Amino acid sequence: MRFLYKNNESVKYKKSHRLALFLCFFCVVSLVILSCKTESTQSTMRSIVGTWQDENSTMTYAADSTWNGTWDTGLSMGGRWAVVGDTLYMFRNQSTALLAYYKILNVSDEEFKIFSLEGDSTVFNKRRIK
């Protein structure tokens, strides 16, 4: 057991102090890991910016985290988008309500492949048009 000295008297190093040190260490390590993921997320977001066409829609993802889409049915909509880890989240205009979310399977200069996480398991194969 470790001892600290206070006023020349030995004091037991309490378990709560060890726990506090462990939590501080854990927080520092977590921040380092999250900052790495943040850079990865930012890179993914930069790759997504542009206009993409898939089987039933054309979507534009802007650098300011807004999106606009037009479906083959004639429906048009827009909102905000974000990437967290490998998941793309899409929100409607002026709302915090989630419209859709997708697992990002692949994103490159010309192709963008996402998998719907809403239960229907649809895979969208997008190709860059702008």
Protein backbone atom coordinates (compact mmCIF):
# COMPACT_ATOMS: atom_id res chain seq x y z
CA MET A 1 0.00 0.00 0.00
CA ARG A 2 1.27 3.50 -0.84
CA PHE A 3 1.57 6.26 1.67
CA LEU A 4 1.50 10.00 1.33
CA TYR A 5 3.06 12.27 3.88
CA LYS A 6 1.18 15.23 5.26
CA ASN A 7 2.76 17.28 8.02
CA ASN A 8 5.33 14.51 8.47
CA GLU A 9 2.59 11.97 9.20
CA SER A 10 1.86 9.02 6.97
CA VAL A 11 -1.58 8.92 5.45
CA LYS A 12 -2.95 5.95 3.54
CA TYR A 13 -3.48 6.55 -0.13
CA LYS A 14 -7.25 6.13 -0.30
CA LYS A 15 -8.97 4.00 -2.88
CA SER A 16 -11.02 7.01 -3.92
CA HIS A 17 -7.80 8.81 -4.89
CA ARG A 18 -6.72 5.85 -7.00
CA LEU A 19 -10.12 5.79 -8.65
CA ALA A 20 -9.90 9.53 -9.37
CA LEU A 21 -6.45 9.10 -10.93
CA PHE A 22 -7.69 6.18 -13.02
CA LEU A 23 -10.68 8.22 -14.23
CA CYS A 24 -8.42 11.15 -15.16
CA PHE A 25 -6.14 8.80 -17.09
CA PHE A 26 -9.16 7.20 -18.79
CA CYS A 27 -10.52 10.64 -19.79
CA VAL A 28 -7.20 11.70 -21.31
CA VAL A 29 -6.92 8.46 -23.29
CA SER A 30 -10.56 8.80 -24.42
CA LEU A 31 -9.96 12.35 -25.62
CA VAL A 32 -6.96 11.23 -27.64
CA ILE A 33 -8.97 8.41 -29.22
CA LEU A 34 -11.94 10.69 -29.94
CA SER A 35 -9.74 13.31 -31.54
CA CYS A 36 -8.44 10.65 -33.91
CA LYS A 37 -12.00 9.63 -34.77
CA THR A 38 -12.94 13.25 -35.18
CA GLU A 39 -10.23 13.68 -37.82
CA SER A 40 -11.46 10.50 -39.52
CA THR A 41 -15.05 11.79 -39.36
CA GLN A 42 -14.01 15.15 -40.81
CA SER A 43 -12.21 13.36 -43.63
CA THR A 44 -15.32 11.28 -44.37
CA MET A 45 -17.49 14.39 -44.38
CA ARG A 46 -15.15 16.15 -46.82
CA SER A 47 -15.35 13.09 -49.10
CA ILE A 48 -19.16 13.14 -49.03
CA VAL A 49 -19.51 16.82 -49.98
CA GLY A 50 -20.88 16.99 -53.52
CA THR A 51 -23.85 15.85 -55.58
CA TRP A 52 -24.64 12.14 -55.77
CA GLN A 53 -27.18 10.11 -57.72
CA ASP A 54 -28.50 6.67 -56.75
CA GLU A 55 -31.32 4.36 -57.83
CA ASN A 56 -34.12 6.77 -56.87
CA SER A 57 -32.74 10.19 -55.94
CA THR A 58 -30.18 12.94 -56.42
CA MET A 59 -28.65 14.36 -53.22
CA THR A 60 -26.36 17.30 -52.66
CA TYR A 61 -24.36 17.32 -49.44
CA ALA A 62 -22.84 20.78 -48.81
CA ALA A 63 -19.74 21.63 -46.76
CA ASP A 64 -21.91 23.66 -44.36
CA SER A 65 -23.65 20.38 -43.34
CA THR A 66 -26.83 21.05 -45.28
CA TRP A 67 -28.34 18.69 -47.83
CA ASN A 68 -30.94 18.93 -50.57
CA GLY A 69 -32.52 16.02 -52.34
CA THR A 70 -34.88 15.31 -55.18
CA TRP A 71 -36.46 11.90 -55.60
CA ASP A 72 -37.63 10.33 -58.85
CA THR A 73 -41.21 10.68 -57.53
CA GLY A 74 -40.82 14.48 -57.67
CA LEU A 75 -40.47 14.96 -53.90
CA SER A 76 -37.86 17.53 -52.87
CA MET A 77 -36.54 17.99 -49.36
CA GLY A 78 -33.56 19.38 -47.49
CA GLY A 79 -32.05 19.68 -44.09
CA ARG A 80 -28.84 19.12 -42.17
CA TRP A 81 -26.49 16.13 -42.20
CA ALA A 82 -23.73 14.83 -39.95
CA VAL A 83 -21.35 11.90 -39.74
CA VAL A 84 -20.58 10.22 -36.43
CA GLY A 85 -18.12 7.36 -36.74
CA ASP A 86 -19.33 5.39 -39.76
CA THR A 87 -22.95 6.58 -39.59
CA LEU A 88 -24.56 9.29 -41.74
CA TYR A 89 -27.44 11.12 -40.03
CA MET A 90 -29.90 13.25 -42.01
CA PHE A 91 -32.28 15.75 -40.40
CA ARG A 92 -35.11 17.78 -41.95
CA ASN A 93 -34.95 21.55 -42.38
CA GLN A 94 -35.54 23.56 -39.21
CA SER A 95 -35.89 20.39 -37.17
CA THR A 96 -33.91 18.18 -34.87
CA ALA A 97 -36.11 15.25 -35.90
CA LEU A 98 -34.06 12.51 -37.52
CA LEU A 99 -35.18 11.80 -41.07
CA ALA A 100 -32.90 8.86 -41.83
CA TYR A 101 -29.61 7.28 -40.85
CA TYR A 102 -27.23 5.04 -42.73
CA LYS A 103 -24.07 3.04 -42.18
CA ILE A 104 -21.40 4.28 -44.56
CA LEU A 105 -20.01 1.24 -46.35
CA ASN A 106 -17.71 3.03 -48.78
CA VAL A 107 -16.94 6.54 -49.92
CA SER A 108 -14.46 7.47 -52.62
CA ASP A 109 -14.09 10.21 -55.21
CA GLU A 110 -16.65 8.60 -57.49
CA GLU A 111 -18.70 6.16 -55.37
CA PHE A 112 -20.64 6.43 -52.13
CA LYS A 113 -22.33 3.33 -50.72
CA ILE A 114 -24.65 3.45 -47.69
CA PHE A 115 -26.81 0.91 -45.87
CA SER A 116 -30.15 1.95 -44.33
CA LEU A 117 -30.26 1.38 -40.57
CA GLU A 118 -34.02 1.92 -40.41
CA GLY A 119 -34.94 -1.73 -40.67
CA ASP A 120 -35.46 -2.09 -44.40
CA SER A 121 -31.75 -2.90 -45.01
CA THR A 122 -31.68 -1.02 -48.31
CA VAL A 123 -28.25 -0.42 -49.81
CA PHE A 124 -27.86 2.74 -51.89
CA ASN A 125 -25.07 2.84 -54.46
CA LYS A 126 -24.45 6.48 -55.25
CA ARG A 127 -22.22 7.90 -57.94
CA ARG A 128 -20.84 11.42 -57.94
CA ILE A 129 -22.29 13.71 -60.60
CA LYS A 130 -20.72 16.97 -59.31
